[in-house]
Amino acid sequence: MVLRQSLRCLALLAAAVTIPASAGTVFDSTAQDGLFLLGTPGRTWVGQPFTAADPGYPLKISSVTAWFAATQAMSFTDFVMSVQLWDSFNPFAASVFSSPVGSVQSQSYGALSVNAFEIYAATVVFAQPLALTGLSGHGVAINFQVNTGSGLTVTENVSVPGRATSAAGAFPVGTVPLPGPSYGYYRNASGRTDFNFASSDLYTAGSWSALAIELDAAVPEPATFFGVGGSVVGLLLVARARRRAR
C-alpha cells in the first residue's frame, strides 16, 4: 500500500514539473535587414553586453551563434570561431567585462569559401553548458581566425556585422544593458586581444545598435527534475512512517 501511494505521489510531482522540450534562445540581436560590416580598425575582437530573457530555469549557455561577413571573396583552409563568456559587465570599468565563465571556447569549420559582403552564420556549441549568475549584465566576446595557407591568423577582412539604424527596433529576445535608444557594442579599437575591452571601445551606429549574434540556453536534464521529485517523495514517506510510529 505504501509503495502504491508513493508511486502515485511521484507521478503527481513529476506531472507538476514542466520540462522544456528544447533549448531556447535567451538573447537575439539579429535583424532581417540593415546589417553592416564594422569599420576598421578594431573589428578582429568584438563584444556584446547582454541581459538574457528568462528561460524558466537556471541560465546555462549552450551555444553562441554569430553572423559574419568578409570585405572580399576569400578561401580558407581553416576557419575558426572563438568565444569567451563573461558573468559581469560594467561600462565604466577599465575592462568592461569581468568574471570569465569557463575558458575560451573554439570551433573549427575547416576549409571554407565566402563571397564579398555576404552574410554567413557560425556557431560554437559548448561541450558543457556554462552557467551564468542571474539574467542581467553579462558579456560575450567573439574572434575569428582564418588560414589562407600560412597558419591561423586574425584579419580585419572578416567580422561580425552590426545592426544599422535602418533595422531599428526592439531586440527580438533579451536586451542590451546600455542606455537606449543607441545601446551599442564593443570592438577592439584600443588594440586589446584578450576578449575584453576598454570602456572607450564602445561603439554605436544609431538606434538599437548591437552585434548580430544569438545565444541559446541548455535544457535541464529530466533526471534532475525526477531526482528532486524522488527526494520529496522520500521525505513524505519518512514523515508518514514517523506518524505511524507515534
C-alpha atoms as a PDB file:
ATOM      1  CA  MET A   1       0.000   0.000   0.000  1.00  0.00           C
ATOM      2  CA  VAL A   2       2.795   2.409   0.908  1.00  0.00           C
ATOM      3  CA  LEU A   3       4.625   1.620  -2.344  1.00  0.00           C
ATOM      4  CA  ARG A   4       1.475   2.221  -4.416  1.00  0.00           C
ATOM      5  CA  GLN A   5       0.845   5.571  -2.700  1.00  0.00           C
ATOM      6  CA  SER A   6       4.443   6.672  -3.057  1.00  0.00           C
ATOM      7  CA  LEU A   7       4.434   5.882  -6.781  1.00  0.00           C
ATOM      8  CA  ARG A   8       1.231   7.868  -7.223  1.00  0.00           C
ATOM      9  CA  CYS A   9       2.796  10.790  -5.349  1.00  0.00           C
ATOM     10  CA  LEU A  10       5.918  10.600  -7.524  1.00  0.00           C
ATOM     11  CA  ALA A  11       3.767  10.644 -10.672  1.00  0.00           C
ATOM     12  CA  LEU A  12       1.889  13.725  -9.471  1.00  0.00           C
ATOM     13  CA  LEU A  13       5.113  15.538  -8.633  1.00  0.00           C
ATOM     14  CA  ALA A  14       6.616  14.665 -11.989  1.00  0.00           C
ATOM     15  CA  ALA A  15       3.481  15.853 -13.794  1.00  0.00           C
ATOM     16  CA  ALA A  16       3.606  19.151 -11.908  1.00  0.00           C
ATOM     17  CA  VAL A  17       7.131  19.925 -13.184  1.00  0.00           C
ATOM     18  CA  THR A  18       7.304  21.475 -16.626  1.00  0.00           C
ATOM     19  CA  ILE A  19      10.325  20.144 -18.504  1.00  0.00           C
ATOM     20  CA  PRO A  20      11.264  22.297 -21.523  1.00  0.00           C
ATOM     21  CA  ALA A  21      11.225  20.311 -24.748  1.00  0.00           C
ATOM     22  CA  SER A  22      14.165  22.049 -26.408  1.00  0.00           C
ATOM     23  CA  ALA A  23      16.839  24.663 -25.913  1.00  0.00           C
ATOM     24  CA  GLY A  24      15.578  28.241 -26.049  1.00  0.00           C
ATOM     25  CA  THR A  25      17.120  31.432 -27.381  1.00  0.00           C
ATOM     26  CA  VAL A  26      17.802  33.789 -24.477  1.00  0.00           C
ATOM     27  CA  PHE A  27      19.452  36.622 -26.434  1.00  0.00           C
ATOM     28  CA  ASP A  28      18.977  37.544 -30.071  1.00  0.00           C
ATOM     29  CA  SER A  29      20.169  40.820 -31.581  1.00  0.00           C
ATOM     30  CA  THR A  30      19.849  39.868 -35.243  1.00  0.00           C
ATOM     31  CA  ALA A  31      17.728  41.746 -37.750  1.00  0.00           C
ATOM     32  CA  GLN A  32      16.027  40.868 -41.011  1.00  0.00           C
ATOM     33  CA  ASP A  33      17.935  43.548 -42.892  1.00  0.00           C
ATOM     34  CA  GLY A  34      20.135  46.560 -42.352  1.00  0.00           C
ATOM     35  CA  LEU A  35      23.251  44.692 -41.178  1.00  0.00           C
ATOM     36  CA  PHE A  36      26.573  46.331 -41.987  1.00  0.00           C
ATOM     37  CA  LEU A  37      30.241  45.341 -41.699  1.00  0.00           C
ATOM     38  CA  LEU A  38      32.066  47.107 -38.888  1.00  0.00           C
ATOM     39  CA  GLY A  39      34.661  49.719 -39.741  1.00  0.00           C
ATOM     40  CA  THR A  40      38.407  49.465 -39.134  1.00  0.00           C
ATOM     41  CA  PRO A  41      40.449  49.474 -37.059  1.00  0.00           C
ATOM     42  CA  GLY A  42      39.079  47.256 -34.331  1.00  0.00           C
ATOM     43  CA  ARG A  43      36.858  44.508 -35.635  1.00  0.00           C
ATOM     44  CA  THR A  44      39.059  41.463 -35.017  1.00  0.00           C
ATOM     45  CA  TRP A  45      37.698  41.081 -31.471  1.00  0.00           C
ATOM     46  CA  VAL A  46      34.147  42.233 -30.770  1.00  0.00           C
ATOM     47  CA  GLY A  47      31.983  42.057 -27.673  1.00  0.00           C
ATOM     48  CA  GLN A  48      28.358  42.344 -26.699  1.00  0.00           C
ATOM     49  CA  PRO A  49      26.968  43.006 -23.219  1.00  0.00           C
ATOM     50  CA  PHE A  50      23.593  41.365 -22.798  1.00  0.00           C
ATOM     51  CA  THR A  51      20.735  40.672 -20.438  1.00  0.00           C
ATOM     52  CA  ALA A  52      19.102  37.346 -21.143  1.00  0.00           C
ATOM     53  CA  ALA A  53      15.429  36.565 -21.373  1.00  0.00           C
ATOM     54  CA  ASP A  54      14.234  34.244 -18.621  1.00  0.00           C
ATOM     55  CA  PRO A  55      14.263  30.655 -19.930  1.00  0.00           C
ATOM     56  CA  GLY A  56      12.278  29.442 -16.915  1.00  0.00           C
ATOM     57  CA  TYR A  57      15.182  27.516 -15.400  1.00  0.00           C
ATOM     58  CA  PRO A  58      18.769  28.325 -14.283  1.00  0.00           C
ATOM     59  CA  LEU A  59      20.608  30.084 -17.103  1.00  0.00           C
ATOM     60  CA  LYS A  60      23.274  27.933 -18.760  1.00  0.00           C
ATOM     61  CA  ILE A  61      24.505  28.955 -22.193  1.00  0.00           C
ATOM     62  CA  SER A  62      24.860  26.012 -24.568  1.00  0.00           C
ATOM     63  CA  SER A  63      25.866  27.769 -27.796  1.00  0.00           C
ATOM     64  CA  VAL A  64      26.712  31.116 -29.355  1.00  0.00           C
ATOM     65  CA  THR A  65      25.910  31.911 -32.986  1.00  0.00           C
ATOM     66  CA  ALA A  66      27.486  34.875 -34.744  1.00  0.00           C
ATOM     67  CA  TRP A  67      26.735  36.123 -38.215  1.00  0.00           C
ATOM     68  CA  PHE A  68      29.842  37.171 -40.141  1.00  0.00           C
ATOM     69  CA  ALA A  69      30.862  38.740 -43.444  1.00  0.00           C
ATOM     70  CA  ALA A  70      34.049  39.396 -45.399  1.00  0.00           C
ATOM     71  CA  THR A  71      35.102  42.519 -47.279  1.00  0.00           C
ATOM     72  CA  GLN A  72      36.212  40.455 -50.279  1.00  0.00           C
ATOM     73  CA  ALA A  73      35.800  36.967 -51.725  1.00  0.00           C
ATOM     74  CA  MET A  74      38.130  34.681 -49.770  1.00  0.00           C
ATOM     75  CA  SER A  75      39.007  30.980 -49.458  1.00  0.00           C
ATOM     76  CA  PHE A  76      40.359  29.486 -46.246  1.00  0.00           C
ATOM     77  CA  THR A  77      41.967  26.156 -45.478  1.00  0.00           C
ATOM     78  CA  ASP A  78      40.590  26.625 -41.966  1.00  0.00           C
ATOM     79  CA  PHE A  79      38.130  28.971 -40.313  1.00  0.00           C
ATOM     80  CA  VAL A  80      37.896  29.165 -36.502  1.00  0.00           C
ATOM     81  CA  MET A  81      35.386  30.994 -34.321  1.00  0.00           C
ATOM     82  CA  SER A  82      36.284  31.580 -30.655  1.00  0.00           C
ATOM     83  CA  VAL A  83      34.023  32.760 -27.841  1.00  0.00           C
ATOM     84  CA  GLN A  84      34.518  33.896 -24.245  1.00  0.00           C
ATOM     85  CA  LEU A  85      31.565  34.328 -21.900  1.00  0.00           C
ATOM     86  CA  TRP A  86      31.692  36.798 -19.001  1.00  0.00           C
ATOM     87  CA  ASP A  87      29.471  36.842 -15.946  1.00  0.00           C
ATOM     88  CA  SER A  88      29.701  40.581 -15.201  1.00  0.00           C
ATOM     89  CA  PHE A  89      29.585  43.816 -17.169  1.00  0.00           C
ATOM     90  CA  ASN A  90      30.434  47.362 -16.071  1.00  0.00           C
ATOM     91  CA  PRO A  91      30.523  50.008 -18.823  1.00  0.00           C
ATOM     92  CA  PHE A  92      32.567  52.373 -16.623  1.00  0.00           C
ATOM     93  CA  ALA A  93      35.371  49.947 -15.695  1.00  0.00           C
ATOM     94  CA  ALA A  94      38.816  49.920 -17.319  1.00  0.00           C
ATOM     95  CA  SER A  95      37.937  46.400 -18.501  1.00  0.00           C
ATOM     96  CA  VAL A  96      34.203  46.330 -19.137  1.00  0.00           C
ATOM     97  CA  PHE A  97      33.842  42.557 -18.643  1.00  0.00           C
ATOM     98  CA  SER A  98      34.877  40.590 -15.551  1.00  0.00           C
ATOM     99  CA  SER A  99      34.487  37.102 -14.053  1.00  0.00           C
ATOM    100  CA  PRO A 100      35.174  34.889 -17.090  1.00  0.00           C
ATOM    101  CA  VAL A 101      32.862  31.888 -17.327  1.00  0.00           C
ATOM    102  CA  GLY A 102      34.936  28.905 -18.376  1.00  0.00           C
ATOM    103  CA  SER A 103      37.793  29.232 -20.843  1.00  0.00           C
ATOM    104  CA  VAL A 104      37.766  30.432 -24.443  1.00  0.00           C
ATOM    105  CA  GLN A 105      35.592  28.070 -26.498  1.00  0.00           C
ATOM    106  CA  SER A 106      36.535  27.478 -30.151  1.00  0.00           C
ATOM    107  CA  GLN A 107      35.050  25.754 -33.165  1.00  0.00           C
ATOM    108  CA  SER A 108      36.923  24.905 -36.382  1.00  0.00           C
ATOM    109  CA  TYR A 109      34.989  24.819 -39.638  1.00  0.00           C
ATOM    110  CA  GLY A 110      37.805  23.564 -41.853  1.00  0.00           C
ATOM    111  CA  ALA A 111      38.027  24.701 -45.455  1.00  0.00           C
ATOM    112  CA  LEU A 112      35.599  27.479 -46.316  1.00  0.00           C
ATOM    113  CA  SER A 113      34.996  29.923 -49.157  1.00  0.00           C
ATOM    114  CA  VAL A 114      32.985  33.136 -48.795  1.00  0.00           C
ATOM    115  CA  ASN A 115      31.777  35.832 -51.153  1.00  0.00           C
ATOM    116  CA  ALA A 116      32.296  39.531 -50.582  1.00  0.00           C
ATOM    117  CA  PHE A 117      29.758  41.190 -48.268  1.00  0.00           C
ATOM    118  CA  GLU A 118      27.520  38.130 -47.974  1.00  0.00           C
ATOM    119  CA  ILE A 119      26.241  37.226 -44.509  1.00  0.00           C
ATOM    120  CA  TYR A 120      27.076  33.801 -43.089  1.00  0.00           C
ATOM    121  CA  ALA A 121      26.483  32.186 -39.696  1.00  0.00           C
ATOM    122  CA  ALA A 122      28.864  30.267 -37.449  1.00  0.00           C
ATOM    123  CA  THR A 123      28.086  28.555 -34.145  1.00  0.00           C
ATOM    124  CA  VAL A 124      30.211  27.446 -31.207  1.00  0.00           C
ATOM    125  CA  VAL A 125      28.473  24.669 -29.273  1.00  0.00           C
ATOM    126  CA  PHE A 126      29.876  24.194 -25.768  1.00  0.00           C
ATOM    127  CA  ALA A 127      30.798  20.665 -24.677  1.00  0.00           C
ATOM    128  CA  GLN A 128      29.348  21.548 -21.283  1.00  0.00           C
ATOM    129  CA  PRO A 129      26.798  24.370 -20.875  1.00  0.00           C
ATOM    130  CA  LEU A 130      28.216  27.363 -18.990  1.00  0.00           C
ATOM    131  CA  ALA A 131      26.216  28.732 -16.059  1.00  0.00           C
ATOM    132  CA  LEU A 132      25.673  32.470 -15.617  1.00  0.00           C
ATOM    133  CA  THR A 133      24.592  34.205 -12.411  1.00  0.00           C
ATOM    134  CA  GLY A 134      21.107  35.580 -12.872  1.00  0.00           C
ATOM    135  CA  LEU A 135      19.935  37.149 -16.120  1.00  0.00           C
ATOM    136  CA  SER A 136      21.422  40.652 -16.098  1.00  0.00           C
ATOM    137  CA  GLY A 137      24.665  42.265 -17.090  1.00  0.00           C
ATOM    138  CA  HIS A 138      26.666  39.534 -18.836  1.00  0.00           C
ATOM    139  CA  GLY A 139      29.057  39.669 -21.764  1.00  0.00           C
ATOM    140  CA  VAL A 140      30.214  37.652 -24.742  1.00  0.00           C
ATOM    141  CA  ALA A 141      33.339  38.288 -26.818  1.00  0.00           C
ATOM    142  CA  ILE A 142      33.974  36.816 -30.272  1.00  0.00           C
ATOM    143  CA  ASN A 143      37.004  36.417 -32.516  1.00  0.00           C
ATOM    144  CA  PHE A 144      37.514  34.831 -35.938  1.00  0.00           C
ATOM    145  CA  GLN A 145      40.785  33.367 -37.209  1.00  0.00           C
ATOM    146  CA  VAL A 146      41.443  32.258 -40.776  1.00  0.00           C
ATOM    147  CA  ASN A 147      44.122  30.249 -42.525  1.00  0.00           C
ATOM    148  CA  THR A 148      44.862  31.210 -46.116  1.00  0.00           C
ATOM    149  CA  GLY A 149      47.933  28.969 -46.312  1.00  0.00           C
ATOM    150  CA  SER A 150      50.303  30.447 -43.729  1.00  0.00           C
ATOM    151  CA  GLY A 151      48.640  29.355 -40.485  1.00  0.00           C
ATOM    152  CA  LEU A 152      45.757  30.732 -38.456  1.00  0.00           C
ATOM    153  CA  THR A 153      45.703  34.494 -38.065  1.00  0.00           C
ATOM    154  CA  VAL A 154      43.248  37.287 -37.368  1.00  0.00           C
ATOM    155  CA  THR A 155      42.145  39.539 -40.197  1.00  0.00           C
ATOM    156  CA  GLU A 156      40.304  42.820 -40.453  1.00  0.00           C
ATOM    157  CA  ASN A 157      38.631  41.396 -43.562  1.00  0.00           C
ATOM    158  CA  VAL A 158      36.241  39.188 -41.561  1.00  0.00           C
ATOM    159  CA  SER A 159      33.978  40.369 -38.767  1.00  0.00           C
ATOM    160  CA  VAL A 160      30.599  40.129 -37.065  1.00  0.00           C
ATOM    161  CA  PRO A 161      28.254  42.679 -38.666  1.00  0.00           C
ATOM    162  CA  GLY A 162      26.302  45.203 -36.642  1.00  0.00           C
ATOM    163  CA  ARG A 163      22.694  46.342 -36.742  1.00  0.00           C
ATOM    164  CA  ALA A 164      22.269  49.543 -38.716  1.00  0.00           C
ATOM    165  CA  THR A 165      19.847  52.345 -37.941  1.00  0.00           C
ATOM    166  CA  SER A 166      17.621  51.163 -40.805  1.00  0.00           C
ATOM    167  CA  ALA A 167      16.997  47.977 -38.810  1.00  0.00           C
ATOM    168  CA  ALA A 168      15.924  49.921 -35.712  1.00  0.00           C
ATOM    169  CA  GLY A 169      13.502  48.135 -33.469  1.00  0.00           C
ATOM    170  CA  ALA A 170      13.391  46.122 -30.312  1.00  0.00           C
ATOM    171  CA  PHE A 171      15.832  43.253 -29.953  1.00  0.00           C
ATOM    172  CA  PRO A 172      13.983  40.017 -30.743  1.00  0.00           C
ATOM    173  CA  VAL A 173      14.999  38.335 -27.459  1.00  0.00           C
ATOM    174  CA  GLY A 174      16.678  39.828 -24.380  1.00  0.00           C
ATOM    175  CA  THR A 175      18.201  43.286 -24.295  1.00  0.00           C
ATOM    176  CA  VAL A 176      21.468  45.230 -24.132  1.00  0.00           C
ATOM    177  CA  PRO A 177      22.323  46.802 -20.735  1.00  0.00           C
ATOM    178  CA  LEU A 178      23.416  50.130 -22.204  1.00  0.00           C
ATOM    179  CA  PRO A 179      21.417  53.377 -22.479  1.00  0.00           C
ATOM    180  CA  GLY A 180      18.812  53.436 -25.230  1.00  0.00           C
ATOM    181  CA  PRO A 181      17.953  54.295 -27.855  1.00  0.00           C
ATOM    182  CA  SER A 182      21.506  53.722 -29.147  1.00  0.00           C
ATOM    183  CA  TYR A 183      22.614  50.783 -26.936  1.00  0.00           C
ATOM    184  CA  GLY A 184      25.866  49.595 -28.597  1.00  0.00           C
ATOM    185  CA  TYR A 185      28.649  47.017 -28.665  1.00  0.00           C
ATOM    186  CA  TYR A 186      32.431  46.851 -28.277  1.00  0.00           C
ATOM    187  CA  ARG A 187      35.206  46.445 -30.831  1.00  0.00           C
ATOM    188  CA  ASN A 188      38.923  46.369 -30.070  1.00  0.00           C
ATOM    189  CA  ALA A 189      39.802  49.811 -31.378  1.00  0.00           C
ATOM    190  CA  SER A 190      42.188  50.098 -28.412  1.00  0.00           C
ATOM    191  CA  GLY A 191      44.120  47.066 -29.691  1.00  0.00           C
ATOM    192  CA  ARG A 192      43.193  44.579 -26.964  1.00  0.00           C
ATOM    193  CA  THR A 193      43.310  40.892 -27.869  1.00  0.00           C
ATOM    194  CA  ASP A 194      42.216  39.349 -24.539  1.00  0.00           C
ATOM    195  CA  PHE A 195      38.474  39.024 -25.262  1.00  0.00           C
ATOM    196  CA  ASN A 196      37.905  42.135 -23.157  1.00  0.00           C
ATOM    197  CA  PHE A 197      37.519  45.802 -23.967  1.00  0.00           C
ATOM    198  CA  ALA A 198      38.264  49.284 -22.708  1.00  0.00           C
ATOM    199  CA  SER A 199      35.266  51.475 -21.961  1.00  0.00           C
ATOM    200  CA  SER A 200      36.342  53.664 -24.902  1.00  0.00           C
ATOM    201  CA  ASP A 201      35.869  50.690 -27.259  1.00  0.00           C
ATOM    202  CA  LEU A 202      32.100  51.194 -27.117  1.00  0.00           C
ATOM    203  CA  TYR A 203      30.538  51.927 -30.488  1.00  0.00           C
ATOM    204  CA  THR A 204      27.024  52.854 -31.557  1.00  0.00           C
ATOM    205  CA  ALA A 205      25.660  53.120 -35.075  1.00  0.00           C
ATOM    206  CA  GLY A 206      22.316  54.738 -34.405  1.00  0.00           C
ATOM    207  CA  SER A 207      19.250  53.353 -32.667  1.00  0.00           C
ATOM    208  CA  TRP A 208      19.302  49.776 -31.328  1.00  0.00           C
ATOM    209  CA  SER A 209      22.997  49.210 -32.123  1.00  0.00           C
ATOM    210  CA  ALA A 210      24.242  45.687 -31.439  1.00  0.00           C
ATOM    211  CA  LEU A 211      26.216  42.846 -32.959  1.00  0.00           C
ATOM    212  CA  ALA A 212      24.328  40.223 -34.950  1.00  0.00           C
ATOM    213  CA  ILE A 213      24.508  37.304 -32.510  1.00  0.00           C
ATOM    214  CA  GLU A 214      22.300  34.731 -30.800  1.00  0.00           C
ATOM    215  CA  LEU A 215      22.758  32.842 -27.517  1.00  0.00           C
ATOM    216  CA  ASP A 216      20.906  29.649 -26.682  1.00  0.00           C
ATOM    217  CA  ALA A 217      20.319  28.130 -23.247  1.00  0.00           C
ATOM    218  CA  ALA A 218      20.640  24.499 -22.248  1.00  0.00           C
ATOM    219  CA  VAL A 219      17.653  22.493 -21.084  1.00  0.00           C
ATOM    220  CA  PRO A 220      17.973  20.874 -17.644  1.00  0.00           C
ATOM    221  CA  GLU A 221      18.213  17.102 -17.729  1.00  0.00           C
ATOM    222  CA  PRO A 222      14.891  15.405 -16.902  1.00  0.00           C
ATOM    223  CA  ALA A 223      16.757  13.274 -14.352  1.00  0.00           C
ATOM    224  CA  THR A 224      17.401  16.430 -12.361  1.00  0.00           C
ATOM    225  CA  PHE A 225      13.698  17.090 -12.020  1.00  0.00           C
ATOM    226  CA  PHE A 226      12.836  13.486 -11.203  1.00  0.00           C
ATOM    227  CA  GLY A 227      15.683  13.395  -8.700  1.00  0.00           C
ATOM    228  CA  VAL A 228      14.127  16.340  -6.894  1.00  0.00           C
ATOM    229  CA  GLY A 229      10.700  14.690  -7.032  1.00  0.00           C
ATOM    230  CA  GLY A 230      12.096  11.446  -5.661  1.00  0.00           C
ATOM    231  CA  SER A 231      13.724  13.285  -2.764  1.00  0.00           C
ATOM    232  CA  VAL A 232      10.428  14.937  -1.869  1.00  0.00           C
ATOM    233  CA  VAL A 233       8.647  11.585  -2.004  1.00  0.00           C
ATOM    234  CA  GLY A 234      11.295  10.111   0.277  1.00  0.00           C
ATOM    235  CA  LEU A 235      10.731  12.874   2.815  1.00  0.00           C
ATOM    236  CA  LEU A 236       6.975  12.316   2.664  1.00  0.00           C
ATOM    237  CA  LEU A 237       7.420   8.598   3.318  1.00  0.00           C
ATOM    238  CA  VAL A 238       9.722   9.282   6.273  1.00  0.00           C
ATOM    239  CA  ALA A 239       7.183  11.714   7.743  1.00  0.00           C
ATOM    240  CA  ARG A 240       4.380   9.155   7.302  1.00  0.00           C
ATOM    241  CA  ALA A 241       6.421   6.427   8.958  1.00  0.00           C
ATOM    242  CA  ARG A 242       7.141   8.671  11.937  1.00  0.00           C
ATOM    243  CA  ARG A 243       3.460   9.472  12.337  1.00  0.00           C
ATOM    244  CA  ARG A 244       2.600   5.777  12.330  1.00  0.00           C
ATOM    245  CA  ALA A 245       5.326   5.010  14.865  1.00  0.00           C
ATOM    246  CA  ARG A 246       3.764   7.556  17.202  1.00  0.00           C
END
